[in-house]
Amino acid sequence: MPLAAASGWFAAWRSYKRFNQINPRLAPEYFRGLNYLLNEQPDQALDVFLRLAEDDAKTVEIHFALGGLFRRRGEVERAIRVHQDLLARPLLSVLQRQTALLELGRDYMHAGLFDRAESIFQDLLKQRVRETDATKLLLEVYQRESDWDQAIQMAERLTSANDPEHAAILAHMYCERAEVWLRRGQPDKALQSISQALDTDARSVRATLLLGDTYFKNGDFEKSLRQYLRLFEQEEEFLPEVLPRILQCLQAGAPLQQFEKQMHRFNRDYRQSYFIRGYVHYLQQQEGLEAARNYLRAALTQQPSLYALQEWLDLEWAELIKGRDPDAQDPDLLPWRLMIDTLKRVMRNMPKYQCRHCGYAAKTLHWQCPGCKTWGKLKPLNLTQMDHLSS
């Protein structure tokens, strides 16, 4: 029996036992509905349960369970029918009616009918009932619609209501709005939104990166470097994101002296991380090719990894093709080209980020996890984690 069906059977059986105690006269009919449900005949089951609802007002809890079960199984139309039927019943208590409205709004959201869901949740807010639930659901609706101004309003309501987990989410909303302003070519408004993000969450990795990126695009490389160095010290997990940006700043003319001590310290402490790639480029720029090659030989000996191997092969290839045509069918180059191309294909398919909440793995950084939809939980993997996921 599939897991979903088994869990549905268990929930239904518990409801059956409660219902049998409440109304023995209708229990056989209810059991017939359960059989339909467990035999994958949901329409027949739904007809039975809705008829039972007309005969007994005590089946509300059962119908909430049934509607939730249909929605979890992806049968949203049936979930909508259950909750609409509940709302049509005149004897619902105030609390039951509010719950039915929230559940119907969730159904609409799962069906992609965001305007209907928004209307329900906004009505609940206007009535000042179930405000926290309605606000959280509206926040989800506006996120899915990328309506960041409205999402910010909802997140601000939750944050001001002493819901601390939403402070970090609110900072992401400001960052989303900042990125919209940047795409529209309005960096001043973007900087204002980034400032609001940092006022909300002073340790926001995303806002700090975005601030550095904005300064860089505006040609203010020293200010940009300052933001990246702040993250370099503060959020060690994001070194893979920060280091290439720092190197860009140095290439563009930002002062090097404030960075050298930090770079050598992180080389000492993070030899096993994805930091290796950035440090190799830094060594090439500052100390020359031979220093980079020596570093990679030591790294491969002490902590072998595909990333260190790829960097070493790239350096050796650059030396091999000096004075040669790399596209020629040179028999001395063919084995090297095969190794490098094969490794690049393998590396291209390796995830570089993983959600700390649900385990979702990705090749690119998402600030909102595509799997569990949580914010800020997708973080760079170190080399050991990458090799483990690729094996």
Protein backbone atom coordinates (compact mmCIF):
# COMPACT_ATOMS: atom_id res chain seq x y z
CA MET A 1 0.00 0.00 0.00
CA PRO A 2 1.51 3.41 -0.93
CA LEU A 3 2.57 5.60 1.96
CA ALA A 4 -0.02 8.31 1.19
CA ALA A 5 -2.83 5.77 1.15
CA ALA A 6 -1.59 4.18 4.36
CA SER A 7 -1.42 7.51 6.19
CA GLY A 8 -4.85 8.39 4.84
CA TRP A 9 -6.22 5.06 6.07
CA PHE A 10 -4.77 5.66 9.54
CA ALA A 11 -6.26 9.15 9.81
CA ALA A 12 -9.58 7.95 8.48
CA TRP A 13 -9.70 4.99 10.88
CA ARG A 14 -9.07 7.23 13.89
CA SER A 15 -11.89 9.49 12.70
CA TYR A 16 -14.12 6.44 12.19
CA LYS A 17 -13.62 5.31 15.79
CA ARG A 18 -14.52 8.76 17.09
CA PHE A 19 -17.52 9.00 14.78
CA ASN A 20 -18.78 5.54 15.74
CA GLN A 21 -18.89 6.69 19.35
CA ILE A 22 -20.82 9.84 18.39
CA ASN A 23 -23.47 8.40 16.09
CA PRO A 24 -23.77 4.60 15.77
CA ARG A 25 -26.74 4.99 13.39
CA LEU A 26 -24.59 6.57 10.68
CA ALA A 27 -21.37 4.65 11.32
CA PRO A 28 -21.95 1.93 8.65
CA GLU A 29 -22.48 4.59 5.98
CA TYR A 30 -19.36 6.38 7.11
CA PHE A 31 -17.40 3.14 6.94
CA ARG A 32 -18.63 2.67 3.37
CA GLY A 33 -17.17 6.10 2.54
CA LEU A 34 -13.85 5.05 4.05
CA ASN A 35 -13.79 1.95 1.87
CA TYR A 36 -14.33 4.09 -1.22
CA LEU A 37 -11.51 6.37 -0.14
CA LEU A 38 -9.05 3.57 0.53
CA ASN A 39 -9.95 1.85 -2.75
CA GLU A 40 -8.98 4.99 -4.64
CA GLN A 41 -12.58 5.94 -5.43
CA PRO A 42 -12.51 9.49 -4.05
CA ASP A 43 -15.58 10.81 -5.88
CA GLN A 44 -17.83 8.10 -4.45
CA ALA A 45 -16.26 8.64 -1.00
CA LEU A 46 -16.87 12.36 -1.24
CA ASP A 47 -20.54 11.89 -2.12
CA VAL A 48 -21.01 9.64 0.93
CA PHE A 49 -19.29 12.05 3.32
CA LEU A 50 -21.19 15.08 2.06
CA ARG A 51 -24.51 13.23 2.51
CA LEU A 52 -23.45 12.35 6.05
CA ALA A 53 -22.75 16.01 6.73
CA GLU A 54 -26.36 16.82 5.88
CA ASP A 55 -27.58 14.24 8.42
CA ASP A 56 -25.31 15.04 11.36
CA ALA A 57 -23.77 18.36 12.40
CA LYS A 58 -21.08 16.58 14.44
CA THR A 59 -19.05 15.57 11.37
CA VAL A 60 -17.25 18.92 10.98
CA GLU A 61 -13.93 17.67 12.35
CA ILE A 62 -14.09 14.68 10.03
CA HIS A 63 -14.64 16.96 7.05
CA PHE A 64 -11.69 19.15 7.96
CA ALA A 65 -9.53 16.01 8.07
CA LEU A 66 -10.96 14.83 4.75
CA GLY A 67 -10.38 18.18 3.04
CA GLY A 68 -6.81 18.32 4.30
CA LEU A 69 -6.21 14.77 3.11
CA PHE A 70 -7.47 15.58 -0.39
CA ARG A 71 -5.27 18.68 -0.56
CA ARG A 72 -2.14 16.81 0.56
CA ARG A 73 -2.82 14.21 -2.12
CA GLY A 74 -3.02 16.96 -4.74
CA GLU A 75 -6.78 16.52 -5.23
CA VAL A 76 -7.45 20.21 -4.79
CA GLU A 77 -10.84 20.32 -6.51
CA ARG A 78 -12.19 17.77 -4.04
CA ALA A 79 -10.68 19.67 -1.11
CA ILE A 80 -12.41 22.83 -2.36
CA ARG A 81 -15.71 20.99 -2.60
CA VAL A 82 -15.41 19.73 0.99
CA HIS A 83 -14.66 23.17 2.42
CA GLN A 84 -17.30 24.93 0.33
CA ASP A 85 -19.84 22.39 1.56
CA LEU A 86 -18.84 23.11 5.15
CA LEU A 87 -19.27 26.86 4.63
CA ALA A 88 -22.75 26.27 3.22
CA ARG A 89 -23.86 24.71 6.51
CA PRO A 90 -25.79 27.22 8.65
CA LEU A 91 -24.96 25.72 12.05
CA LEU A 92 -21.18 26.11 12.00
CA SER A 93 -19.69 27.86 15.01
CA VAL A 94 -17.77 31.11 14.45
CA LEU A 95 -14.45 29.32 14.96
CA GLN A 96 -15.41 26.51 12.58
CA ARG A 97 -16.44 29.01 9.89
CA GLN A 98 -13.14 30.87 10.24
CA THR A 99 -11.22 27.60 9.99
CA ALA A 100 -13.20 26.55 6.91
CA LEU A 101 -12.41 29.89 5.25
CA LEU A 102 -8.70 29.51 5.97
CA GLU A 103 -8.72 25.97 4.61
CA LEU A 104 -10.59 27.05 1.48
CA GLY A 105 -8.02 29.81 0.97
CA ARG A 106 -5.25 27.22 1.27
CA ASP A 107 -7.04 25.10 -1.33
CA TYR A 108 -7.18 28.03 -3.73
CA MET A 109 -3.50 28.73 -3.12
CA HIS A 110 -2.55 25.13 -3.94
CA ALA A 111 -4.67 25.37 -7.08
CA GLY A 112 -2.83 28.54 -8.16
CA LEU A 113 -5.97 30.67 -7.74
CA PHE A 114 -4.10 33.38 -5.87
CA ASP A 115 -6.70 36.12 -6.39
CA ARG A 116 -9.39 34.02 -4.68
CA ALA A 117 -7.04 33.04 -1.86
CA GLU A 118 -5.99 36.67 -1.37
CA SER A 119 -9.63 37.79 -1.21
CA ILE A 120 -10.43 35.30 1.57
CA PHE A 121 -7.36 36.15 3.65
CA GLN A 122 -7.87 39.90 3.22
CA ASP A 123 -11.49 39.56 4.36
CA LEU A 124 -10.32 37.77 7.50
CA LEU A 125 -7.84 40.57 8.18
CA LYS A 126 -10.55 43.20 7.76
CA GLN A 127 -12.73 41.31 10.23
CA ARG A 128 -9.71 41.15 12.59
CA VAL A 129 -10.06 37.39 13.04
CA ARG A 130 -7.31 34.78 12.71
CA GLU A 131 -5.01 37.69 11.84
CA THR A 132 -1.68 35.92 12.29
CA ASP A 133 -2.78 32.92 10.20
CA ALA A 134 -4.24 35.16 7.49
CA THR A 135 -1.13 37.37 7.42
CA LYS A 136 1.23 34.39 7.06
CA LEU A 137 -0.88 32.98 4.24
CA LEU A 138 -1.05 36.36 2.49
CA LEU A 139 2.72 36.60 2.78
CA GLU A 140 2.96 33.25 1.01
CA VAL A 141 0.54 34.39 -1.71
CA TYR A 142 2.47 37.60 -2.38
CA GLN A 143 5.78 35.74 -2.43
CA ARG A 144 4.45 33.37 -5.06
CA GLU A 145 3.20 36.32 -7.10
CA SER A 146 6.50 38.22 -6.61
CA ASP A 147 4.50 41.17 -5.28
CA TRP A 148 7.26 42.34 -2.97
CA ASP A 149 5.65 45.58 -1.81
CA GLN A 150 2.64 43.66 -0.49
CA ALA A 151 4.87 40.88 0.85
CA ILE A 152 6.86 43.48 2.80
CA GLN A 153 3.66 44.84 4.34
CA MET A 154 2.69 41.36 5.55
CA ALA A 155 6.19 40.55 6.81
CA GLU A 156 6.29 43.89 8.66
CA ARG A 157 3.01 43.02 10.38
CA LEU A 158 4.43 39.70 11.53
CA THR A 159 7.72 41.21 12.66
CA SER A 160 6.03 44.00 14.60
CA ALA A 161 3.87 41.34 16.25
CA ASN A 162 7.02 39.92 17.90
CA ASP A 163 7.44 37.03 15.48
CA PRO A 164 11.28 37.03 15.36
CA GLU A 165 11.64 34.39 12.64
CA HIS A 166 10.10 36.85 10.20
CA ALA A 167 12.79 39.52 10.70
CA ALA A 168 15.17 37.56 8.47
CA ILE A 169 12.35 36.89 6.00
CA LEU A 170 11.52 40.61 5.92
CA ALA A 171 15.16 41.37 5.07
CA HIS A 172 14.86 39.01 2.09
CA MET A 173 11.72 40.83 0.96
CA TYR A 174 13.63 44.13 0.98
CA CYS A 175 16.42 42.47 -1.01
CA GLU A 176 13.92 41.17 -3.57
CA ARG A 177 12.59 44.69 -3.99
CA ALA A 178 16.15 46.03 -4.28
CA GLU A 179 16.84 43.59 -7.11
CA VAL A 180 13.71 44.81 -8.90
CA TRP A 181 15.02 48.40 -8.65
CA LEU A 182 18.42 47.31 -9.97
CA ARG A 183 16.83 45.60 -12.97
CA ARG A 184 14.96 48.84 -13.65
CA GLY A 185 18.19 50.82 -13.54
CA GLN A 186 17.39 52.68 -10.31
CA PRO A 187 20.36 52.00 -7.99
CA ASP A 188 19.46 54.79 -5.53
CA LYS A 189 16.13 53.14 -4.74
CA ALA A 190 17.87 49.78 -4.58
CA LEU A 191 20.33 51.11 -2.00
CA GLN A 192 17.42 52.40 0.06
CA SER A 193 15.82 48.93 0.11
CA ILE A 194 19.16 47.30 0.96
CA SER A 195 19.56 49.73 3.86
CA GLN A 196 16.10 48.72 5.12
CA ALA A 197 17.13 45.07 4.89
CA LEU A 198 20.23 45.67 7.00
CA ASP A 199 18.26 47.74 9.51
CA THR A 200 15.94 44.74 9.87
CA ASP A 201 18.66 42.07 9.96
CA ALA A 202 22.16 43.47 10.47
CA ARG A 203 23.72 40.06 9.71
CA SER A 204 21.88 39.51 6.44
CA VAL A 205 24.35 37.81 4.10
CA ARG A 206 22.20 38.55 1.10
CA ALA A 207 21.85 42.27 1.85
CA THR A 208 25.58 42.66 2.44
CA LEU A 209 26.44 40.85 -0.79
CA LEU A 210 23.88 42.92 -2.66
CA LEU A 211 25.28 46.14 -1.21
CA GLY A 212 28.79 45.16 -2.28
CA ASP A 213 27.55 44.21 -5.76
CA THR A 214 25.73 47.53 -6.13
CA TYR A 215 28.80 49.53 -5.12
CA PHE A 216 30.87 47.49 -7.58
CA LYS A 217 28.49 48.22 -10.47
CA ASN A 218 28.65 51.90 -9.55
CA GLY A 219 32.46 51.79 -9.76
CA ASP A 220 33.05 52.29 -6.04
CA PHE A 221 35.42 49.35 -5.65
CA GLU A 222 36.78 50.28 -2.22
CA LYS A 223 33.29 50.44 -0.68
CA SER A 224 32.42 47.21 -2.45
CA LEU A 225 35.51 45.49 -1.05
CA ARG A 226 34.64 46.71 2.45
CA GLN A 227 31.26 44.94 2.31
CA TYR A 228 32.77 41.72 1.00
CA LEU A 229 35.45 41.74 3.70
CA ARG A 230 32.74 42.17 6.31
CA LEU A 231 31.19 38.91 5.11
CA PHE A 232 34.61 37.33 4.79
CA GLU A 233 34.95 37.70 8.56
CA GLN A 234 31.33 37.25 9.56
CA GLU A 235 29.90 34.38 7.47
CA GLU A 236 32.55 31.78 6.81
CA GLU A 237 30.15 29.43 5.03
CA PHE A 238 29.75 31.99 2.24
CA LEU A 239 33.45 32.22 1.37
CA PRO A 240 32.77 30.60 -2.05
CA GLU A 241 30.43 33.49 -2.88
CA VAL A 242 32.58 36.24 -1.39
CA LEU A 243 36.08 35.38 -2.58
CA PRO A 244 35.54 35.74 -6.36
CA ARG A 245 33.97 39.14 -5.71
CA ILE A 246 36.95 40.21 -3.59
CA LEU A 247 39.32 39.22 -6.38
CA GLN A 248 37.26 41.26 -8.86
CA CYS A 249 37.58 44.29 -6.59
CA LEU A 250 41.35 43.83 -6.38
CA GLN A 251 41.62 43.49 -10.15
CA ALA A 252 39.56 46.68 -10.51
CA GLY A 253 41.98 48.63 -8.31
CA ALA A 254 40.71 48.30 -4.73
CA PRO A 255 43.55 48.48 -2.14
CA LEU A 256 45.12 45.09 -1.41
CA GLN A 257 46.74 45.70 1.97
CA GLN A 258 43.54 45.41 4.04
CA PHE A 259 42.92 41.97 2.57
CA GLU A 260 46.26 40.12 2.63
CA LYS A 261 46.27 39.11 6.32
CA GLN A 262 42.73 37.77 6.09
CA MET A 263 43.53 35.77 2.97
CA HIS A 264 46.50 34.01 4.51
CA ARG A 265 44.57 33.29 7.72
CA PHE A 266 41.71 31.71 5.81
CA ASN A 267 44.15 29.69 3.74
CA ARG A 268 45.48 28.23 7.00
CA ASP A 269 42.04 27.52 8.49
CA TYR A 270 40.00 26.51 5.43
CA ARG A 271 42.28 24.42 3.25
CA GLN A 272 39.54 21.75 3.08
CA SER A 273 36.87 24.06 1.71
CA TYR A 274 35.77 25.39 -1.65
CA PHE A 275 37.98 28.34 -0.69
CA ILE A 276 40.82 26.51 -2.52
CA ARG A 277 39.66 27.66 -5.95
CA GLY A 278 39.60 31.34 -5.07
CA TYR A 279 42.90 31.16 -3.23
CA VAL A 280 44.61 29.65 -6.28
CA HIS A 281 43.52 32.62 -8.40
CA TYR A 282 44.70 34.99 -5.68
CA LEU A 283 48.15 33.32 -5.59
CA GLN A 284 48.43 33.49 -9.37
CA GLN A 285 47.72 37.20 -9.34
CA GLN A 286 49.91 38.11 -6.39
CA GLU A 287 52.76 35.56 -6.25
CA GLY A 288 52.82 33.88 -9.64
CA LEU A 289 52.07 30.55 -11.26
CA GLU A 290 54.63 28.47 -9.40
CA ALA A 291 53.25 29.51 -5.99
CA ALA A 292 49.76 28.44 -7.10
CA ARG A 293 51.06 25.08 -8.37
CA ASN A 294 52.93 24.38 -5.14
CA TYR A 295 49.84 25.21 -3.12
CA LEU A 296 47.69 22.84 -5.18
CA ARG A 297 50.19 19.98 -4.90
CA ALA A 298 50.09 20.34 -1.12
CA ALA A 299 46.29 20.59 -1.11
CA LEU A 300 45.92 17.44 -3.23
CA THR A 301 48.28 15.55 -0.93
CA GLN A 302 46.66 16.66 2.33
CA GLN A 303 42.99 16.79 1.29
CA PRO A 304 42.28 15.32 -2.16
CA SER A 305 39.21 16.77 -3.87
CA LEU A 306 37.80 17.11 -7.36
CA TYR A 307 37.92 20.91 -7.16
CA ALA A 308 41.61 20.97 -6.28
CA LEU A 309 42.27 18.43 -9.05
CA GLN A 310 40.40 20.57 -11.57
CA GLU A 311 42.42 23.64 -10.62
CA TRP A 312 45.68 21.70 -10.86
CA LEU A 313 44.79 20.31 -14.30
CA ASP A 314 43.85 23.79 -15.54
CA LEU A 315 47.22 25.18 -14.45
CA GLU A 316 49.15 22.30 -15.99
CA TRP A 317 47.14 22.62 -19.21
CA ALA A 318 47.99 26.31 -19.43
CA GLU A 319 51.67 25.40 -19.25
CA LEU A 320 51.37 22.55 -21.76
CA ILE A 321 49.77 24.61 -24.50
CA LYS A 322 52.29 27.44 -24.38
CA GLY A 323 53.54 27.83 -27.94
CA ARG A 324 51.09 25.20 -29.24
CA ASP A 325 47.71 25.26 -30.92
CA PRO A 326 45.33 23.84 -28.26
CA ASP A 327 42.80 22.88 -30.95
CA ALA A 328 45.28 20.88 -33.00
CA GLN A 329 45.18 17.07 -32.85
CA ASP A 330 48.44 16.91 -30.95
CA PRO A 331 48.82 13.34 -29.59
CA ASP A 332 50.65 14.66 -26.51
CA LEU A 333 47.66 16.83 -25.61
CA LEU A 334 44.84 14.34 -26.25
CA PRO A 335 45.03 12.50 -22.88
CA TRP A 336 45.12 15.82 -21.03
CA ARG A 337 42.19 17.18 -22.99
CA LEU A 338 40.19 14.00 -22.29
CA MET A 339 40.89 14.22 -18.54
CA ILE A 340 40.05 17.92 -18.33
CA ASP A 341 36.86 17.69 -20.41
CA THR A 342 35.63 14.62 -18.50
CA LEU A 343 36.27 16.23 -15.13
CA LYS A 344 34.51 19.43 -16.20
CA ARG A 345 31.43 17.45 -17.24
CA VAL A 346 31.41 15.69 -13.87
CA MET A 347 31.86 18.96 -11.99
CA ARG A 348 29.15 20.69 -14.01
CA ASN A 349 26.60 18.20 -12.69
CA MET A 350 27.68 18.42 -9.06
CA PRO A 351 25.53 20.41 -6.62
CA LYS A 352 27.31 23.30 -4.98
CA TYR A 353 24.62 24.29 -2.46
CA GLN A 354 22.36 22.47 -0.04
CA CYS A 355 19.37 23.53 2.04
CA ARG A 356 20.08 23.13 5.74
CA HIS A 357 16.34 22.70 6.35
CA CYS A 358 15.21 20.04 3.85
CA GLY A 359 18.42 18.82 2.18
CA TYR A 360 17.55 20.15 -1.30
CA ALA A 361 20.74 20.29 -3.41
CA ALA A 362 21.30 22.84 -6.19
CA LYS A 363 23.95 23.97 -8.66
CA THR A 364 23.14 27.65 -8.19
CA LEU A 365 22.40 29.73 -5.09
CA HIS A 366 18.70 30.30 -4.34
CA TRP A 367 17.83 32.61 -1.47
CA GLN A 368 14.47 30.84 -1.15
CA CYS A 369 14.79 27.06 -1.23
CA PRO A 370 12.90 25.63 -4.25
CA GLY A 371 12.16 22.53 -2.19
CA CYS A 372 10.80 23.66 1.17
CA LYS A 373 10.35 27.41 0.36
CA THR A 374 12.28 28.52 3.45
CA TRP A 375 14.44 31.63 3.17
CA GLY A 376 18.20 31.78 3.68
CA LYS A 377 18.77 28.07 4.34
CA LEU A 378 20.53 27.19 1.06
CA LYS A 379 24.27 27.46 1.71
CA PRO A 380 27.48 26.53 -0.10
CA LEU A 381 28.78 23.02 0.39
CA ASN A 382 32.38 22.42 1.32
CA LEU A 383 34.46 20.02 -0.73
CA THR A 384 33.84 17.01 1.50
CA GLN A 385 30.06 17.52 1.27
CA MET A 386 30.24 17.99 -2.52
CA ASP A 387 32.19 14.80 -3.01
CA HIS A 388 29.74 12.93 -0.74
CA LEU A 389 26.68 14.16 -2.70
CA SER A 390 28.26 13.32 -6.04
CA SER A 391 29.18 9.76 -5.01
